[in-house]
Protein backbone atom coordinates (compact mmCIF):
# COMPACT_ATOMS: atom_id res chain seq x y z
CA UNK A 1 -17.91 -30.72 -75.98
CA UNK A 2 -15.27 -31.41 -74.72
CA UNK A 3 -14.19 -28.72 -72.57
CA UNK A 4 -17.96 -28.52 -71.45
CA UNK A 5 -17.70 -32.21 -69.88
CA UNK A 6 -14.52 -30.97 -68.36
CA UNK A 7 -16.38 -27.81 -66.94
CA UNK A 8 -19.02 -29.60 -65.35
CA UNK A 9 -17.19 -32.25 -63.62
CA UNK A 10 -14.67 -29.96 -62.23
CA UNK A 11 -18.07 -27.40 -60.70
CA UNK A 12 -19.59 -31.30 -59.76
CA UNK A 13 -16.60 -32.11 -57.93
CA UNK A 14 -16.04 -28.55 -56.11
CA UNK A 15 -20.05 -28.70 -54.98
CA UNK A 16 -19.75 -31.98 -53.58
CA UNK A 17 -16.73 -30.65 -51.52
CA UNK A 18 -18.55 -27.73 -50.36
CA UNK A 19 -21.70 -29.79 -49.57
CA UNK A 20 -19.38 -32.55 -47.54
CA UNK A 21 -17.49 -29.44 -46.02
CA UNK A 22 -20.56 -27.98 -44.80
CA UNK A 23 -22.15 -30.95 -43.54
CA UNK A 24 -19.45 -31.49 -41.08
CA UNK A 25 -19.09 -28.17 -39.66
CA UNK A 26 -22.95 -28.29 -39.34
CA UNK A 27 -22.79 -32.29 -37.59
CA UNK A 28 -20.22 -30.64 -35.39
CA UNK A 29 -21.78 -28.08 -34.18
CA UNK A 30 -25.09 -29.20 -33.46
CA UNK A 31 -26.03 -31.42 -29.81
CA UNK A 32 -28.13 -34.24 -31.70
CA UNK A 33 -29.10 -36.17 -28.09
CA UNK A 34 -29.44 -35.98 -24.45
CA UNK A 35 -26.39 -37.68 -22.95
CA UNK A 36 -26.93 -41.10 -21.90
CA UNK A 37 -25.24 -43.18 -19.37
CA UNK A 38 -23.76 -46.83 -19.48
CA UNK A 39 -21.96 -47.34 -16.19
CA UNK A 40 -19.97 -45.90 -13.69
CA UNK A 41 -17.26 -46.65 -11.27
CA UNK A 42 -16.79 -46.74 -8.64
CA UNK A 43 -20.36 -46.99 -7.37
CA UNK A 44 -19.27 -45.61 -4.27
CA UNK A 45 -16.99 -43.12 -2.32
CA UNK A 46 -16.46 -40.08 -0.07
CA UNK A 47 -16.08 -36.67 -0.91
CA UNK A 48 -13.14 -36.11 -3.60
CA UNK A 49 -13.54 -39.21 -5.03
CA UNK A 50 -13.04 -39.63 -8.83
CA UNK A 51 -15.80 -41.40 -11.23
CA UNK A 52 -15.49 -42.13 -14.62
CA UNK A 53 -18.66 -42.41 -16.20
CA UNK A 54 -19.01 -44.19 -19.78
CA UNK A 55 -22.19 -43.48 -22.29
CA UNK A 56 -22.80 -42.04 -25.38
CA UNK A 57 -22.96 -38.35 -26.62
CA UNK A 58 -20.90 -36.87 -23.46
CA UNK A 59 -18.75 -34.42 -25.81
CA UNK A 60 -21.09 -31.43 -25.11
CA UNK A 61 -22.08 -32.15 -21.40
CA UNK A 62 -22.73 -28.44 -18.79
CA UNK A 63 -23.59 -29.91 -15.83
CA UNK A 64 -23.43 -33.02 -13.29
CA UNK A 65 -25.45 -33.39 -10.14
CA UNK A 66 -25.29 -36.40 -7.93
CA UNK A 67 -28.00 -36.64 -5.66
CA UNK A 68 -29.58 -33.71 -7.06
CA UNK A 69 -26.70 -31.64 -6.09
CA UNK A 70 -23.77 -30.16 -8.39
CA UNK A 71 -20.54 -31.63 -8.26
CA UNK A 72 -17.41 -31.12 -10.82
CA UNK A 73 -16.92 -32.12 -14.09
CA UNK A 74 -13.06 -33.23 -13.78
CA UNK A 75 -12.52 -34.06 -17.57
CA UNK A 76 -14.63 -34.99 -21.14
CA UNK A 77 -11.82 -38.06 -22.29
CA UNK A 78 -13.91 -38.64 -25.54
CA UNK A 79 -17.78 -38.58 -26.36
CA UNK A 80 -18.23 -42.44 -24.64
CA UNK A 81 -15.96 -41.03 -21.28
CA UNK A 82 -16.12 -38.59 -18.96
CA UNK A 83 -14.82 -38.07 -15.06
CA UNK A 84 -16.26 -36.44 -12.23
CA UNK A 85 -15.19 -35.67 -8.55
CA UNK A 86 -17.61 -36.08 -5.63
CA UNK A 87 -17.80 -32.20 -4.09
CA UNK A 88 -18.83 -31.43 -0.55
CA UNK A 89 -22.56 -30.86 -1.08
CA UNK A 90 -23.26 -34.23 -2.67
CA UNK A 91 -25.48 -36.92 -1.93
CA UNK A 92 -25.82 -40.22 -2.58
CA UNK A 93 -28.12 -40.72 -5.46
CA UNK A 94 -28.72 -40.64 -9.60
CA UNK A 95 -26.15 -39.61 -11.76
CA UNK A 96 -27.53 -36.52 -13.94
CA UNK A 97 -25.77 -35.91 -16.70
CA UNK A 98 -26.99 -32.70 -18.80
CA UNK A 99 -26.65 -31.47 -22.15
CA UNK A 100 -28.71 -28.61 -24.44
CA UNK A 101 -30.92 -31.14 -25.42
CA UNK A 102 -31.73 -33.25 -21.89
CA UNK A 103 -30.33 -35.22 -19.67
CA UNK A 104 -29.28 -38.50 -18.84
CA UNK A 105 -29.86 -40.24 -15.57
CA UNK A 106 -27.76 -43.40 -14.45
CA UNK A 107 -30.00 -46.62 -13.74
CA UNK A 108 -28.18 -47.30 -10.76
CA UNK A 109 -26.90 -44.84 -7.57
CA UNK A 110 -23.80 -43.47 -6.33
CA UNK A 111 -23.53 -43.99 -2.77
CA UNK A 112 -21.50 -41.37 -0.81
CA UNK A 113 -19.49 -42.62 2.01
CA UNK A 114 -18.44 -40.44 5.01
CA UNK A 115 -15.59 -41.68 6.27
CA UNK A 116 -12.98 -39.84 9.33
CA UNK A 117 -9.71 -38.68 7.87
CA UNK A 118 -6.70 -40.26 9.96
CA UNK A 119 -3.31 -39.77 10.02
CA UNK A 120 -0.80 -43.25 8.97
CA UNK A 121 2.02 -43.91 11.82
CA UNK A 122 4.32 -42.51 9.69
CA UNK A 123 2.45 -40.07 8.20
CA UNK A 124 3.89 -36.41 9.34
CA UNK A 125 7.16 -35.32 11.25
CA UNK A 126 7.56 -34.25 14.84
CA UNK A 127 8.80 -31.06 13.96
CA UNK A 128 8.46 -28.58 11.46
CA UNK A 129 9.22 -24.66 10.94
CA UNK A 130 6.35 -21.92 10.93
CA UNK A 131 5.68 -21.01 7.37
CA UNK A 132 7.00 -24.18 5.74
CA UNK A 133 4.83 -26.61 3.64
CA UNK A 134 3.97 -29.69 5.61
CA UNK A 135 2.90 -33.02 3.62
CA UNK A 136 0.60 -35.12 5.88
CA UNK A 137 0.00 -38.66 4.84
CA UNK A 138 -3.12 -41.65 6.22
CA UNK A 139 -6.35 -42.55 4.82
CA UNK A 140 -9.23 -40.27 3.46
CA UNK A 141 -6.98 -37.13 3.05
CA UNK A 142 -9.15 -35.70 0.44
CA UNK A 143 -11.95 -35.74 2.32
CA UNK A 144 -10.68 -32.59 4.70
CA UNK A 145 -12.05 -29.31 4.68
CA UNK A 146 -9.91 -27.87 6.64
CA UNK A 147 -6.02 -28.37 8.51
CA UNK A 148 -6.30 -27.04 12.04
CA UNK A 149 -3.29 -26.16 14.31
CA UNK A 150 -4.17 -25.78 17.76
CA UNK A 151 -1.22 -23.90 20.00
CA UNK A 152 -0.85 -25.60 24.09
CA UNK A 153 -2.53 -24.30 26.11
CA UNK A 154 -4.91 -22.45 23.08
CA UNK A 155 -8.89 -23.72 22.07
CA UNK A 156 -8.56 -22.10 18.93
CA UNK A 157 -6.77 -23.50 15.77
CA UNK A 158 -5.60 -21.19 12.89
CA UNK A 159 -6.31 -22.79 9.98
CA UNK A 160 -3.88 -24.08 7.27
CA UNK A 161 -3.42 -23.22 3.71
CA UNK A 162 -4.23 -26.15 1.34
CA UNK A 163 -2.26 -26.89 -1.41
CA UNK A 164 -3.36 -29.91 -2.84
CA UNK A 165 -4.44 -33.17 -1.72
CA UNK A 166 -5.87 -36.65 -2.99
CA UNK A 167 -6.37 -40.01 -0.78
CA UNK A 168 -3.74 -40.80 0.78
CA UNK A 169 -1.77 -37.13 1.13
CA UNK A 170 -2.56 -33.47 2.11
CA UNK A 171 -0.49 -30.82 1.59
CA UNK A 172 -0.75 -27.74 3.53
CA UNK A 173 1.64 -24.20 4.51
CA UNK A 174 1.99 -24.00 8.31
CA UNK A 175 0.03 -20.98 9.54
CA UNK A 176 0.59 -18.85 12.35
CA UNK A 177 0.69 -20.70 16.22
CA UNK A 178 0.91 -19.01 19.37
CA UNK A 179 3.65 -21.61 20.82
CA UNK A 180 6.07 -24.12 19.80
CA UNK A 181 3.75 -27.25 20.78
CA UNK A 182 0.29 -27.77 18.25
CA UNK A 183 -2.15 -30.39 18.06
CA UNK A 184 -2.95 -31.30 14.57
CA UNK A 185 -6.85 -31.73 13.81
CA UNK A 186 -9.51 -32.07 10.41
CA UNK A 187 -12.24 -30.70 9.55
CA UNK A 188 -14.54 -32.51 7.51
CA UNK A 189 -18.21 -33.02 6.51
CA UNK A 190 -19.84 -36.42 8.09
CA UNK A 191 -23.11 -36.94 5.99
CA UNK A 192 -24.44 -33.95 8.39
CA UNK A 193 -22.69 -31.36 9.19
CA UNK A 194 -18.70 -30.24 9.12
CA UNK A 195 -17.15 -31.89 11.92
CA UNK A 196 -13.87 -31.81 13.52
CA UNK A 197 -11.48 -34.92 14.33
CA UNK A 198 -11.09 -34.96 18.61
CA UNK A 199 -8.36 -32.70 19.83
CA UNK A 200 -7.79 -35.03 22.81
CA UNK A 201 -6.67 -37.64 20.47
CA UNK A 202 -4.95 -35.49 18.07
CA UNK A 203 -1.41 -36.25 17.02
CA UNK A 204 0.74 -32.95 18.52
CA UNK A 205 3.65 -31.65 16.62
CA UNK A 206 6.47 -28.90 18.00
CA UNK A 207 6.91 -26.02 15.68
CA UNK A 208 9.70 -24.24 15.28
CA UNK A 209 8.45 -20.15 15.48
CA UNK A 210 12.18 -18.56 15.34
CA UNK A 211 10.87 -15.92 17.23
CA UNK A 212 13.04 -12.51 16.64
CA UNK A 213 15.40 -11.95 19.90
CA UNK A 214 16.82 -8.48 19.95
CA UNK A 215 19.98 -8.00 22.07
CA UNK A 216 20.39 -4.54 21.93
CA UNK A 217 18.84 -2.82 24.81
CA UNK A 218 20.36 0.65 25.38
CA UNK A 219 19.43 3.40 22.77
CA UNK A 220 21.34 5.84 22.80
CA UNK A 221 19.24 9.50 21.95
CA UNK A 222 18.50 9.73 17.95
CA UNK A 223 18.23 12.47 15.32
CA UNK A 224 15.40 12.26 12.30
CA UNK A 225 17.77 10.31 9.84
CA UNK A 226 20.05 8.40 12.11
CA UNK A 227 20.75 4.74 11.24
CA UNK A 228 20.09 2.50 14.28
CA UNK A 229 21.51 -0.67 14.28
CA UNK A 230 19.67 -3.85 16.27
CA UNK A 231 21.99 -7.06 17.12
CA UNK A 232 20.02 -10.35 18.26
CA UNK A 233 19.05 -13.77 16.96
CA UNK A 234 16.41 -14.27 13.87
CA UNK A 235 16.17 -10.30 12.67
CA UNK A 236 14.87 -11.57 9.46
CA UNK A 237 12.00 -12.12 10.76
CA UNK A 238 10.75 -8.92 12.06
CA UNK A 239 8.00 -7.96 9.56
CA UNK A 240 8.40 -4.10 11.08
CA UNK A 241 10.28 -1.12 13.29
CA UNK A 242 7.36 0.87 14.83
CA UNK A 243 8.53 3.97 16.55
CA UNK A 244 5.83 5.78 18.37
CA UNK A 245 3.22 4.88 15.63
CA UNK A 246 5.49 5.35 12.72
CA UNK A 247 6.84 2.71 11.03
CA UNK A 248 10.49 2.79 10.45
CA UNK A 249 11.97 2.57 6.78
CA UNK A 250 14.60 -1.05 7.10
CA UNK A 251 18.04 0.20 5.41
CA UNK A 252 19.19 -3.28 5.99
CA UNK A 253 18.19 -6.64 7.75
CA UNK A 254 19.85 -10.04 8.24
CA UNK A 255 19.37 -12.81 10.57
CA UNK A 256 21.73 -10.96 13.27
CA UNK A 257 21.71 -7.63 12.54
CA UNK A 258 18.95 -4.67 11.57
CA UNK A 259 19.10 -1.26 10.70
CA UNK A 260 16.47 1.04 10.42
CA UNK A 261 16.39 4.61 9.57
CA UNK A 262 14.96 6.81 12.29
CA UNK A 263 11.45 8.69 10.83
CA UNK A 264 10.25 12.21 10.57
CA UNK A 265 7.43 12.94 12.10
CA UNK A 266 4.89 16.36 11.92
CA UNK A 267 3.53 15.50 15.61
CA UNK A 268 7.18 15.84 16.92
CA UNK A 269 7.86 19.00 19.22
CA UNK A 270 11.44 20.66 19.24
CA UNK A 271 12.90 18.95 21.79
CA UNK A 272 13.39 15.58 23.37
CA UNK A 273 10.46 13.45 22.12
CA UNK A 274 10.18 10.22 24.17
CA UNK A 275 8.35 7.34 22.39
CA UNK A 276 8.30 3.15 22.60
CA UNK A 277 10.31 1.58 20.19
CA UNK A 278 8.85 -1.67 19.13
CA UNK A 279 8.83 -4.69 16.90
CA UNK A 280 6.22 -6.57 14.56
CA UNK A 281 6.81 -10.02 13.61
CA UNK A 282 4.77 -13.38 12.34
CA UNK A 283 2.88 -11.21 9.88
CA UNK A 284 2.05 -8.79 12.25
CA UNK A 285 0.39 -11.09 14.69
CA UNK A 286 2.77 -10.26 17.40
CA UNK A 287 4.18 -7.06 18.46
CA UNK A 288 7.18 -6.91 20.69
CA UNK A 289 8.56 -3.85 22.78
CA UNK A 290 11.92 -2.83 23.38
CA UNK A 291 12.16 -0.07 24.85
CA UNK A 292 9.40 3.01 26.17
CA UNK A 293 11.91 5.53 26.28
CA UNK A 294 13.63 5.99 22.68
CA UNK A 295 14.35 9.91 21.94
CA UNK A 296 14.03 11.13 19.14
CA UNK A 297 15.93 15.15 19.41
CA UNK A 298 14.56 17.22 17.32
CA UNK A 299 16.36 20.27 17.31
CA UNK A 300 15.31 23.66 16.95
CA UNK A 301 17.95 24.56 14.63
CA UNK A 302 18.68 21.55 12.14
CA UNK A 303 22.37 20.82 10.75
CA UNK A 304 23.14 19.14 7.65
CA UNK A 305 25.98 18.06 7.15
CA UNK A 306 27.99 16.07 3.72
CA UNK A 307 25.59 17.10 1.43
CA UNK A 308 26.39 17.32 -2.41
CA UNK A 309 24.37 19.54 -4.53
CA UNK A 310 24.88 19.84 -7.88
CA UNK A 311 24.13 23.28 -9.76
CA UNK A 312 22.27 23.86 -12.81
CA UNK A 313 23.82 21.75 -15.93
CA UNK A 314 22.60 19.74 -18.60
CA UNK A 315 26.50 17.70 -19.21
CA UNK A 316 26.64 16.13 -15.71
CA UNK A 317 25.32 12.77 -14.73
CA UNK A 318 24.11 13.55 -11.05
CA UNK A 319 21.20 15.77 -12.02
CA UNK A 320 20.30 16.17 -8.42
CA UNK A 321 20.08 20.28 -7.66
CA UNK A 322 17.11 20.05 -5.03
CA UNK A 323 17.99 20.72 -1.43
CA UNK A 324 15.08 20.56 1.85
CA UNK A 325 16.24 22.08 4.83
CA UNK A 326 13.27 20.33 6.53
CA UNK A 327 13.57 16.81 5.09
CA UNK A 328 17.76 17.21 4.82
CA UNK A 329 17.20 14.97 1.58
CA UNK A 330 18.57 15.69 -1.58
CA UNK A 331 16.75 15.16 -4.39
CA UNK A 332 16.73 14.43 -8.15
CA UNK A 333 15.76 16.69 -10.81
CA UNK A 334 13.21 13.92 -11.86
CA UNK A 335 11.44 14.28 -8.75
CA UNK A 336 11.00 18.25 -8.43
CA UNK A 337 7.07 17.28 -9.69
CA UNK A 338 6.39 14.52 -7.75
CA UNK A 339 8.46 14.86 -3.90
CA UNK A 340 9.85 18.25 -4.74
CA UNK A 341 7.46 20.65 -6.32
CA UNK A 342 4.52 18.86 -7.13
CA UNK A 343 1.87 22.41 -6.44
CA UNK A 344 3.69 24.65 -8.59
CA UNK A 345 3.63 21.23 -11.49
CA UNK A 346 0.17 21.07 -10.22
CA UNK A 347 -0.49 24.95 -11.53
CA UNK A 348 1.96 24.80 -14.68
CA UNK A 349 4.46 26.23 -12.51
CA UNK A 350 3.09 29.40 -14.19
CA UNK A 351 2.26 31.58 -10.72
CA UNK A 352 2.23 29.81 -7.38
CA UNK A 353 4.73 32.12 -6.03
CA UNK A 354 6.17 35.60 -7.30
CA UNK A 355 7.92 37.81 -5.61
CA UNK A 356 8.01 36.28 -1.96
CA UNK A 357 4.37 36.47 -1.85
CA UNK A 358 2.61 32.95 -2.36
CA UNK A 359 -0.31 33.32 -5.34
CA UNK A 360 -1.56 29.70 -3.62
CA UNK A 361 -4.24 28.61 -0.47
CA UNK A 362 -2.16 28.03 2.51
CA UNK A 363 -3.16 24.51 2.92
CA UNK A 364 -1.22 24.09 -0.54
CA UNK A 365 1.51 26.59 0.27
CA UNK A 366 2.32 24.40 3.63
CA UNK A 367 2.03 21.11 1.56
CA UNK A 368 5.65 21.88 -0.28
CA UNK A 369 8.41 21.68 2.09
CA UNK A 370 11.20 24.23 1.37
CA UNK A 371 13.83 24.13 -0.93
CA UNK A 372 16.73 25.70 -2.79
CA UNK A 373 19.50 25.22 -5.32
CA UNK A 374 22.38 27.00 -6.44
CA UNK A 375 22.79 28.66 -10.23
CA UNK A 376 25.83 29.92 -11.58
CA UNK A 377 26.03 33.51 -11.80
CA UNK A 378 29.56 33.38 -13.99
CA UNK A 379 32.98 31.66 -13.76
CA UNK A 380 34.00 30.17 -10.24
CA UNK A 381 30.76 32.45 -9.01
CA UNK A 382 27.84 30.34 -7.88
CA UNK A 383 24.06 31.77 -6.34
CA UNK A 384 21.69 30.01 -3.69
CA UNK A 385 18.13 30.60 -5.10
CA UNK A 386 14.93 30.80 -3.62
CA UNK A 387 12.32 29.20 -5.80
CA UNK A 388 10.30 32.61 -5.78
CA UNK A 389 12.55 34.64 -5.86
CA UNK A 390 12.78 34.58 -9.99
CA UNK A 391 11.10 33.03 -12.67
CA UNK A 392 13.77 32.45 -14.60
CA UNK A 393 15.76 29.79 -12.65
CA UNK A 394 13.71 26.72 -12.43
CA UNK A 395 13.71 26.60 -16.14
CA UNK A 396 17.19 25.89 -16.38
CA UNK A 397 17.03 22.57 -14.68
CA UNK A 398 17.03 19.38 -17.30
CA UNK A 399 15.84 16.00 -15.91
CA UNK A 400 18.13 14.18 -18.22
CA UNK A 401 21.14 15.07 -19.82
CA UNK A 402 20.28 16.90 -23.16
CA UNK A 403 18.78 20.17 -23.46
CA UNK A 404 15.38 19.53 -24.96
CA UNK A 405 12.51 22.14 -23.55
CA UNK A 406 10.07 18.89 -22.94
CA UNK A 407 13.29 17.79 -20.47
CA UNK A 408 13.68 20.73 -18.33
CA UNK A 409 12.50 20.42 -15.04
CA UNK A 410 9.21 22.01 -14.57
CA UNK A 411 7.96 20.08 -17.71
CA UNK A 412 7.16 23.73 -19.76
CA UNK A 413 8.20 25.95 -22.08
CA UNK A 414 9.23 29.62 -21.14
CA UNK A 415 9.60 31.02 -17.16
CA UNK A 416 8.27 29.84 -13.84
CA UNK A 417 8.01 30.66 -10.05
CA UNK A 418 8.11 27.64 -7.25
CA UNK A 419 6.09 27.43 -5.05
CA UNK A 420 8.22 28.10 -1.62
CA UNK A 421 8.98 31.50 -0.08
CA UNK A 422 12.79 32.20 0.78
CA UNK A 423 15.20 34.74 2.40
CA UNK A 424 18.71 33.88 2.87
CA UNK A 425 21.14 36.13 5.71
CA UNK A 426 24.98 36.23 4.34
CA UNK A 427 27.29 35.85 7.58
CA UNK A 428 29.75 38.11 6.32
CA UNK A 429 33.23 36.80 7.89
CA UNK A 430 34.35 40.40 7.85
CA UNK A 431 31.43 42.00 9.92
CA UNK A 432 32.47 41.30 13.57
CA UNK A 433 28.85 41.25 14.61
CA UNK A 434 28.58 37.74 12.75
CA UNK A 435 31.84 35.87 13.80
CA UNK A 436 29.73 34.78 16.68
CA UNK A 437 27.44 33.47 14.82
CA UNK A 438 29.79 31.83 12.09
CA UNK A 439 31.17 29.38 15.23
CA UNK A 440 27.86 28.74 16.62
CA UNK A 441 27.27 27.32 13.04
CA UNK A 442 30.39 25.82 12.86
CA UNK A 443 30.25 24.37 15.97
CA UNK A 444 26.90 22.85 15.80
CA UNK A 445 25.96 24.81 18.46
CA UNK A 446 23.09 27.30 17.40
CA UNK A 447 20.03 26.45 18.90
CA UNK A 448 17.58 29.45 17.74
CA UNK A 449 17.01 31.20 14.60
CA UNK A 450 14.77 34.05 14.92
CA UNK A 451 14.25 37.73 13.20
CA UNK A 452 16.62 39.11 16.33
CA UNK A 453 19.64 36.52 15.78
CA UNK A 454 18.69 36.95 11.81
CA UNK A 455 17.26 40.29 10.77
CA UNK A 456 16.16 39.15 7.37
CA UNK A 457 13.35 41.65 5.76
CA UNK A 458 10.98 39.62 5.13
CA UNK A 459 8.62 41.85 3.42
CA UNK A 460 11.43 42.82 0.63
């Protein structure tokens, strides 16, 4: 009997706990009443003002309006208090709060005021740098929807980015300005439409533009890949260097020096290519021509010097085995799939080219720059290879320093061909007919390569 009573009391206690717990959850999840507004403060304000509303059942408010127009719920402080922010579309009238049960309407009206923003006498500095932040102090800063910088001699202003604002201050990022003098005006809502403070009485400001000034005025003819040096001031403000219509690669950029590489282009012709050299700055809004007569020399024969290419091997750290006589670049083994021979990789390096005969479309074949590589024949002897000359060479190159098959350059097991078909002529110094050609190659004076000068049987 004792045991039965003990069991009964324990069960009853568990049921009470369970009932209490369930009731608490259901009470929290169910909205029991529409919001009730007891008071709000202040009773009037401008766009951006904060209104504190007190009442009951405010936890579950999902929307708020003033004068029938939606405003922002800033914070639900408690079930008896929340705050609203007056937005630009609000109108004077009742405050209405809504939840899933219904609406609560204020007894009195909130009055929207539309004051014009004004800058205090010490509200901003007299000089700023374009692109920097600017803090402006004054009154009614919270009603501002846009801050405009109108350059001297211009009629249209450029809009600044507003970073933060309250009734007394507004923080903006200074936009692009066409000259070093600008008038500051504000756009705001006057109760009827968006208007601007008059530019005639607007405060003036000096805007330090720090425009790049290139002092380099003479440019020698350059080859593709040459590094050209520009000197001057504020060169770190330059966004782009443009040759003709081609954006150049900037190799070094400081305040007083900029180095760029002369770019390649399929539109170049052999010989001298004369084009304009320009710089772009201020986010591309301004472009300045340095010269209209920059010359890019495109030789009929390319001479590449001091290029280090590694032969096949998996035990060297510098796995850069592929050289292109078209670009003059040495490519890492890891670039074979994407930059060197993507066509061969696309077709799984199976039969792109074989026996000096391309096995892909003409456009696909021409999309791959010629390249070659070296392999070891035996101790002390290297062999130059065409990618299409043998299907047993490319597979010997590894992207990383181990011999796992998945790390082979083509990324497949077995034999494969590369895309470009190349043939070579060995200039044997023991043959008298080759001595003049050898000297021209060494001296960089060779100006033509054809089948007469280099009789290569390309059909074999």
